[in-house]
PDB file of N, CA and C in Angstrom:
ATOM      1  N   UNK A   1      -2.196  20.708 -16.276  1.00  0.00           N
ATOM      2  CA  UNK A   1      -1.460  20.910 -14.624  1.00  0.00           C
ATOM      3  C   UNK A   1      -1.077  19.163 -13.800  1.00  0.00           C
ATOM      4  N   UNK A   2       0.037  19.263 -13.592  1.00  0.00           N
ATOM      5  CA  UNK A   2       0.882  18.168 -12.922  1.00  0.00           C
ATOM      6  C   UNK A   2       0.427  18.576 -11.732  1.00  0.00           C
ATOM      7  N   UNK A   3       0.222  17.484 -10.422  1.00  0.00           N
ATOM      8  CA  UNK A   3       1.177  18.109  -9.108  1.00  0.00           C
ATOM      9  C   UNK A   3       1.275  16.507  -8.696  1.00  0.00           C
ATOM     10  N   UNK A   4       1.769  16.484  -7.485  1.00  0.00           N
ATOM     11  CA  UNK A   4       2.585  15.253  -7.035  1.00  0.00           C
ATOM     12  C   UNK A   4       1.112  15.086  -6.463  1.00  0.00           C
ATOM     13  N   UNK A   5       0.931  13.677  -6.213  1.00  0.00           N
ATOM     14  CA  UNK A   5       0.128  13.053  -5.734  1.00  0.00           C
ATOM     15  C   UNK A   5       0.621  12.542  -3.993  1.00  0.00           C
ATOM     16  N   UNK A   6      -0.518  12.845  -3.379  1.00  0.00           N
ATOM     17  CA  UNK A   6      -0.182  12.318  -1.628  1.00  0.00           C
ATOM     18  C   UNK A   6      -1.387  11.542  -1.182  1.00  0.00           C
ATOM     19  N   UNK A   7      -1.483  10.753  -0.272  1.00  0.00           N
ATOM     20  CA  UNK A   7      -1.805   9.824  -0.193  1.00  0.00           C
ATOM     21  C   UNK A   7      -3.184  10.166   0.375  1.00  0.00           C
ATOM     22  N   UNK A   8      -4.292   9.769  -0.795  1.00  0.00           N
ATOM     23  CA  UNK A   8      -5.427  10.046  -0.727  1.00  0.00           C
ATOM     24  C   UNK A   8      -6.355   9.311  -1.375  1.00  0.00           C
ATOM     25  N   UNK A   9      -5.367   7.971  -1.679  1.00  0.00           N
ATOM     26  CA  UNK A   9      -6.157   6.912  -2.207  1.00  0.00           C
ATOM     27  C   UNK A   9      -5.244   5.656  -2.936  1.00  0.00           C
ATOM     28  N   UNK A  10      -5.632   4.841  -3.410  1.00  0.00           N
ATOM     29  CA  UNK A  10      -4.735   3.815  -3.971  1.00  0.00           C
ATOM     30  C   UNK A  10      -3.630   4.286  -4.977  1.00  0.00           C
ATOM     31  N   UNK A  11      -3.252   5.118  -5.048  1.00  0.00           N
ATOM     32  CA  UNK A  11      -2.210   5.866  -6.444  1.00  0.00           C
ATOM     33  C   UNK A  11      -2.164   5.121  -6.978  1.00  0.00           C
ATOM     34  N   UNK A  12      -0.600   4.272  -6.087  1.00  0.00           N
ATOM     35  CA  UNK A  12      -0.289   2.866  -7.058  1.00  0.00           C
ATOM     36  C   UNK A  12      -1.261   2.323  -8.421  1.00  0.00           C
ATOM     37  N   UNK A  13      -1.764   2.043  -8.031  1.00  0.00           N
ATOM     38  CA  UNK A  13      -2.755   1.353  -9.552  1.00  0.00           C
ATOM     39  C   UNK A  13      -4.028   2.853  -9.915  1.00  0.00           C
ATOM     40  N   UNK A  14      -3.625   3.629  -9.757  1.00  0.00           N
ATOM     41  CA  UNK A  14      -4.185   4.820 -10.766  1.00  0.00           C
ATOM     42  C   UNK A  14      -4.134   4.905 -11.898  1.00  0.00           C
ATOM     43  N   UNK A  15      -4.894   5.395 -12.818  1.00  0.00           N
ATOM     44  CA  UNK A  15      -4.511   5.491 -14.601  1.00  0.00           C
ATOM     45  C   UNK A  15      -4.161   6.711 -14.491  1.00  0.00           C
ATOM     46  N   UNK A  16      -4.144   7.814 -13.308  1.00  0.00           N
ATOM     47  CA  UNK A  16      -3.551   8.978 -13.870  1.00  0.00           C
ATOM     48  C   UNK A  16      -2.297   9.556 -13.447  1.00  0.00           C
ATOM     49  N   UNK A  17      -1.901   7.936 -11.990  1.00  0.00           N
ATOM     50  CA  UNK A  17      -0.174   8.323 -11.469  1.00  0.00           C
ATOM     51  C   UNK A  17       0.479   8.166 -12.203  1.00  0.00           C
ATOM     52  N   UNK A  18       0.990   8.272 -13.422  1.00  0.00           N
ATOM     53  CA  UNK A  18       2.667   8.758 -13.843  1.00  0.00           C
ATOM     54  C   UNK A  18       4.009   8.872 -13.714  1.00  0.00           C
ATOM     55  N   UNK A  19       4.507   7.925 -14.364  1.00  0.00           N
ATOM     56  CA  UNK A  19       6.165   8.139 -13.711  1.00  0.00           C
ATOM     57  C   UNK A  19       6.709   9.048 -14.440  1.00  0.00           C
ATOM     58  N   UNK A  20       6.981  10.580 -14.743  1.00  0.00           N
ATOM     59  CA  UNK A  20       7.789  12.198 -15.549  1.00  0.00           C
ATOM     60  C   UNK A  20       8.930  11.718 -15.396  1.00  0.00           C
ATOM     61  N   UNK A  21       9.505  11.769 -16.068  1.00  0.00           N
ATOM     62  CA  UNK A  21      11.477  11.498 -16.695  1.00  0.00           C
ATOM     63  C   UNK A  21      11.861  12.680 -15.923  1.00  0.00           C
ATOM     64  N   UNK A  22      11.478  13.739 -16.462  1.00  0.00           N
ATOM     65  CA  UNK A  22      11.715  15.785 -15.817  1.00  0.00           C
ATOM     66  C   UNK A  22      11.832  15.182 -14.625  1.00  0.00           C
ATOM     67  N   UNK A  23      10.427  15.446 -13.926  1.00  0.00           N
ATOM     68  CA  UNK A  23      10.854  14.566 -12.918  1.00  0.00           C
ATOM     69  C   UNK A  23      11.551  13.999 -11.947  1.00  0.00           C
ATOM     70  N   UNK A  24      11.777  13.064 -13.249  1.00  0.00           N
ATOM     71  CA  UNK A  24      11.969  12.188 -12.369  1.00  0.00           C
ATOM     72  C   UNK A  24      11.210  11.488 -10.621  1.00  0.00           C
ATOM     73  N   UNK A  25      10.268  11.381 -10.348  1.00  0.00           N
ATOM     74  CA  UNK A  25       9.211  10.518  -9.887  1.00  0.00           C
ATOM     75  C   UNK A  25       8.149  10.470 -10.155  1.00  0.00           C
ATOM     76  N   UNK A  26       7.085  10.173  -9.440  1.00  0.00           N
ATOM     77  CA  UNK A  26       5.629   9.911 -10.462  1.00  0.00           C
ATOM     78  C   UNK A  26       4.938  10.636 -10.351  1.00  0.00           C
ATOM     79  N   UNK A  27       3.347  11.274 -10.477  1.00  0.00           N
ATOM     80  CA  UNK A  27       2.715  13.074 -10.282  1.00  0.00           C
ATOM     81  C   UNK A  27       1.470  12.524 -11.018  1.00  0.00           C
ATOM     82  N   UNK A  28       0.224  12.553 -10.653  1.00  0.00           N
ATOM     83  CA  UNK A  28      -0.653  12.728 -10.668  1.00  0.00           C
ATOM     84  C   UNK A  28      -1.067  13.807 -12.098  1.00  0.00           C
ATOM     85  N   UNK A  29      -1.501  13.262 -12.813  1.00  0.00           N
ATOM     86  CA  UNK A  29      -1.911  13.908 -14.153  1.00  0.00           C
ATOM     87  C   UNK A  29      -2.996  14.161 -14.764  1.00  0.00           C
ATOM     88  N   UNK A  30      -3.810  14.465 -13.302  1.00  0.00           N
ATOM     89  CA  UNK A  30      -5.630  14.378 -13.760  1.00  0.00           C
ATOM     90  C   UNK A  30      -5.324  15.761 -13.617  1.00  0.00           C
ATOM     91  N   UNK A  31      -6.091  16.622 -14.983  1.00  0.00           N
ATOM     92  CA  UNK A  31      -6.025  17.676 -15.864  1.00  0.00           C
ATOM     93  C   UNK A  31      -7.083  18.866 -15.269  1.00  0.00           C
ATOM     94  N   UNK A  32      -7.092  19.425 -14.079  1.00  0.00           N
ATOM     95  CA  UNK A  32      -7.902  20.703 -13.371  1.00  0.00           C
ATOM     96  C   UNK A  32      -7.588  21.553 -13.686  1.00  0.00           C
ATOM     97  N   UNK A  33      -8.905  22.209 -13.510  1.00  0.00           N
ATOM     98  CA  UNK A  33      -8.318  24.208 -14.251  1.00  0.00           C
ATOM     99  C   UNK A  33      -8.435  24.914 -12.583  1.00  0.00           C
ATOM    100  N   UNK A  34      -8.607  26.085 -12.720  1.00  0.00           N
ATOM    101  CA  UNK A  34      -8.039  26.697 -11.132  1.00  0.00           C
ATOM    102  C   UNK A  34      -9.573  26.433  -9.716  1.00  0.00           C
ATOM    103  N   UNK A  35     -10.614  26.296 -10.855  1.00  0.00           N
ATOM    104  CA  UNK A  35     -11.906  25.527  -9.707  1.00  0.00           C
ATOM    105  C   UNK A  35     -11.839  24.528  -9.559  1.00  0.00           C
ATOM    106  N   UNK A  36     -11.816  23.492 -10.339  1.00  0.00           N
ATOM    107  CA  UNK A  36     -11.258  22.123  -9.854  1.00  0.00           C
ATOM    108  C   UNK A  36     -10.824  22.041  -8.344  1.00  0.00           C
ATOM    109  N   UNK A  37      -9.517  22.492  -8.831  1.00  0.00           N
ATOM    110  CA  UNK A  37      -7.712  22.470  -8.089  1.00  0.00           C
ATOM    111  C   UNK A  37      -8.512  22.832  -6.852  1.00  0.00           C
ATOM    112  N   UNK A  38      -9.211  24.479  -6.748  1.00  0.00           N
ATOM    113  CA  UNK A  38      -9.128  24.370  -5.734  1.00  0.00           C
ATOM    114  C   UNK A  38     -10.556  23.741  -4.752  1.00  0.00           C
ATOM    115  N   UNK A  39     -11.497  23.407  -4.923  1.00  0.00           N
ATOM    116  CA  UNK A  39     -12.113  22.194  -4.629  1.00  0.00           C
ATOM    117  C   UNK A  39     -11.316  21.508  -3.411  1.00  0.00           C
ATOM    118  N   UNK A  40     -10.642  20.571  -5.040  1.00  0.00           N
ATOM    119  CA  UNK A  40     -10.114  19.279  -4.283  1.00  0.00           C
ATOM    120  C   UNK A  40      -9.214  19.270  -3.396  1.00  0.00           C
ATOM    121  N   UNK A  41      -8.210  20.748  -3.465  1.00  0.00           N
ATOM    122  CA  UNK A  41      -7.349  21.108  -2.208  1.00  0.00           C
ATOM    123  C   UNK A  41      -8.091  21.354  -1.201  1.00  0.00           C
ATOM    124  N   UNK A  42      -9.564  21.785  -0.966  1.00  0.00           N
ATOM    125  CA  UNK A  42     -10.234  22.093   0.088  1.00  0.00           C
ATOM    126  C   UNK A  42     -10.826  20.643   0.471  1.00  0.00           C
ATOM    127  N   UNK A  43     -11.146  19.829  -0.060  1.00  0.00           N
ATOM    128  CA  UNK A  43     -11.667  18.735   0.292  1.00  0.00           C
ATOM    129  C   UNK A  43     -11.071  17.784   1.121  1.00  0.00           C
ATOM    130  N   UNK A  44     -12.139  17.269   2.095  1.00  0.00           N
ATOM    131  CA  UNK A  44     -11.445  16.386   3.204  1.00  0.00           C
ATOM    132  C   UNK A  44     -12.039  15.220   3.310  1.00  0.00           C
ATOM    133  N   UNK A  45     -12.060  14.681   1.485  1.00  0.00           N
ATOM    134  CA  UNK A  45     -12.472  13.362   1.691  1.00  0.00           C
ATOM    135  C   UNK A  45     -11.558  12.409   1.682  1.00  0.00           C
ATOM    136  N   UNK A  46     -11.308  10.732   2.148  1.00  0.00           N
ATOM    137  CA  UNK A  46     -10.163   9.839   2.476  1.00  0.00           C
ATOM    138  C   UNK A  46      -9.743   9.707   1.029  1.00  0.00           C
ATOM    139  N   UNK A  47     -10.604   9.416   0.457  1.00  0.00           N
ATOM    140  CA  UNK A  47     -10.130   8.919  -1.419  1.00  0.00           C
ATOM    141  C   UNK A  47     -10.316  10.138  -2.845  1.00  0.00           C
ATOM    142  N   UNK A  48      -9.477  10.103  -3.324  1.00  0.00           N
ATOM    143  CA  UNK A  48      -9.487  10.483  -4.504  1.00  0.00           C
ATOM    144  C   UNK A  48     -10.616  10.519  -5.032  1.00  0.00           C
ATOM    145  N   UNK A  49     -11.298  11.770  -5.559  1.00  0.00           N
ATOM    146  CA  UNK A  49     -12.456  11.394  -6.201  1.00  0.00           C
ATOM    147  C   UNK A  49     -12.478  11.615  -8.030  1.00  0.00           C
ATOM    148  N   UNK A  50     -11.147  11.201  -8.515  1.00  0.00           N
ATOM    149  CA  UNK A  50     -10.453  11.072  -9.787  1.00  0.00           C
ATOM    150  C   UNK A  50     -10.100   9.993  -9.875  1.00  0.00           C
ATOM    151  N   UNK A  51      -9.795   9.075  -9.084  1.00  0.00           N
ATOM    152  CA  UNK A  51      -9.136   7.837  -9.514  1.00  0.00           C
ATOM    153  C   UNK A  51      -9.937   6.766 -10.117  1.00  0.00           C
ATOM    154  N   UNK A  52      -9.090   6.665 -10.935  1.00  0.00           N
ATOM    155  CA  UNK A  52      -9.408   5.380 -12.058  1.00  0.00           C
ATOM    156  C   UNK A  52      -8.751   4.424 -12.111  1.00  0.00           C
ATOM    157  N   UNK A  53      -9.212   3.183 -12.010  1.00  0.00           N
ATOM    158  CA  UNK A  53      -8.108   1.932 -12.036  1.00  0.00           C
ATOM    159  C   UNK A  53      -7.688   1.636 -12.845  1.00  0.00           C
ATOM    160  N   UNK A  54      -6.566   1.776 -12.946  1.00  0.00           N
ATOM    161  CA  UNK A  54      -5.075   1.843 -14.508  1.00  0.00           C
ATOM    162  C   UNK A  54      -4.995   0.408 -14.704  1.00  0.00           C
ATOM    163  N   UNK A  55      -5.895  -0.432 -15.465  1.00  0.00           N
ATOM    164  CA  UNK A  55      -6.434  -1.695 -16.286  1.00  0.00           C
ATOM    165  C   UNK A  55      -5.921  -2.025 -17.312  1.00  0.00           C
ATOM    166  N   UNK A  56      -4.170  -1.866 -17.572  1.00  0.00           N
ATOM    167  CA  UNK A  56      -3.160  -2.255 -18.536  1.00  0.00           C
ATOM    168  C   UNK A  56      -3.956  -2.685 -19.528  1.00  0.00           C
ATOM    169  N   UNK A  57      -4.261  -3.986 -19.286  1.00  0.00           N
ATOM    170  CA  UNK A  57      -5.183  -4.918 -19.898  1.00  0.00           C
ATOM    171  C   UNK A  57      -5.787  -4.805 -20.474  1.00  0.00           C
ATOM    172  N   UNK A  58      -7.117  -3.530 -20.477  1.00  0.00           N
ATOM    173  CA  UNK A  58      -7.923  -3.324 -21.225  1.00  0.00           C
ATOM    174  C   UNK A  58      -8.141  -3.076 -22.472  1.00  0.00           C
ATOM    175  N   UNK A  59      -6.500  -2.857 -23.101  1.00  0.00           N
ATOM    176  CA  UNK A  59      -6.613  -2.645 -24.240  1.00  0.00           C
ATOM    177  C   UNK A  59      -6.810  -4.022 -25.057  1.00  0.00           C
ATOM    178  N   UNK A  60      -5.756  -5.374 -23.710  1.00  0.00           N
ATOM    179  CA  UNK A  60      -5.868  -6.456 -25.174  1.00  0.00           C
ATOM    180  C   UNK A  60      -7.458  -7.133 -24.448  1.00  0.00           C
ATOM    181  N   UNK A  61      -7.995  -6.740 -24.014  1.00  0.00           N
ATOM    182  CA  UNK A  61      -9.849  -7.353 -23.982  1.00  0.00           C
ATOM    183  C   UNK A  61     -10.329  -6.796 -25.315  1.00  0.00           C
ATOM    184  N   UNK A  62      -9.860  -5.351 -25.373  1.00  0.00           N
ATOM    185  CA  UNK A  62     -10.662  -4.789 -26.633  1.00  0.00           C
ATOM    186  C   UNK A  62     -10.110  -5.158 -28.074  1.00  0.00           C
ATOM    187  N   UNK A  63      -9.245  -5.585 -28.090  1.00  0.00           N
ATOM    188  CA  UNK A  63      -8.419  -6.552 -29.517  1.00  0.00           C
ATOM    189  C   UNK A  63      -9.189  -7.791 -29.525  1.00  0.00           C
ATOM    190  N   UNK A  64      -9.760  -7.966 -28.697  1.00  0.00           N
ATOM    191  CA  UNK A  64      -9.920  -9.905 -28.670  1.00  0.00           C
ATOM    192  C   UNK A  64     -11.497  -9.841 -29.008  1.00  0.00           C
TER     193      UNK A  64
END
């Protein structure tokens, strides 16, 4: 399930925030089931609980 990310955290740095060519915009790619999505939408947190820092250098460090 994809949904557009709102300003709930530093989305530009998140590993789940990717560009979708079909939608021609950035989307959140966190795969939530129905219960998780309802909980996420009803939650009033200021930070996204699914945020994961998108470190593009992590693969390079593993190769060394």
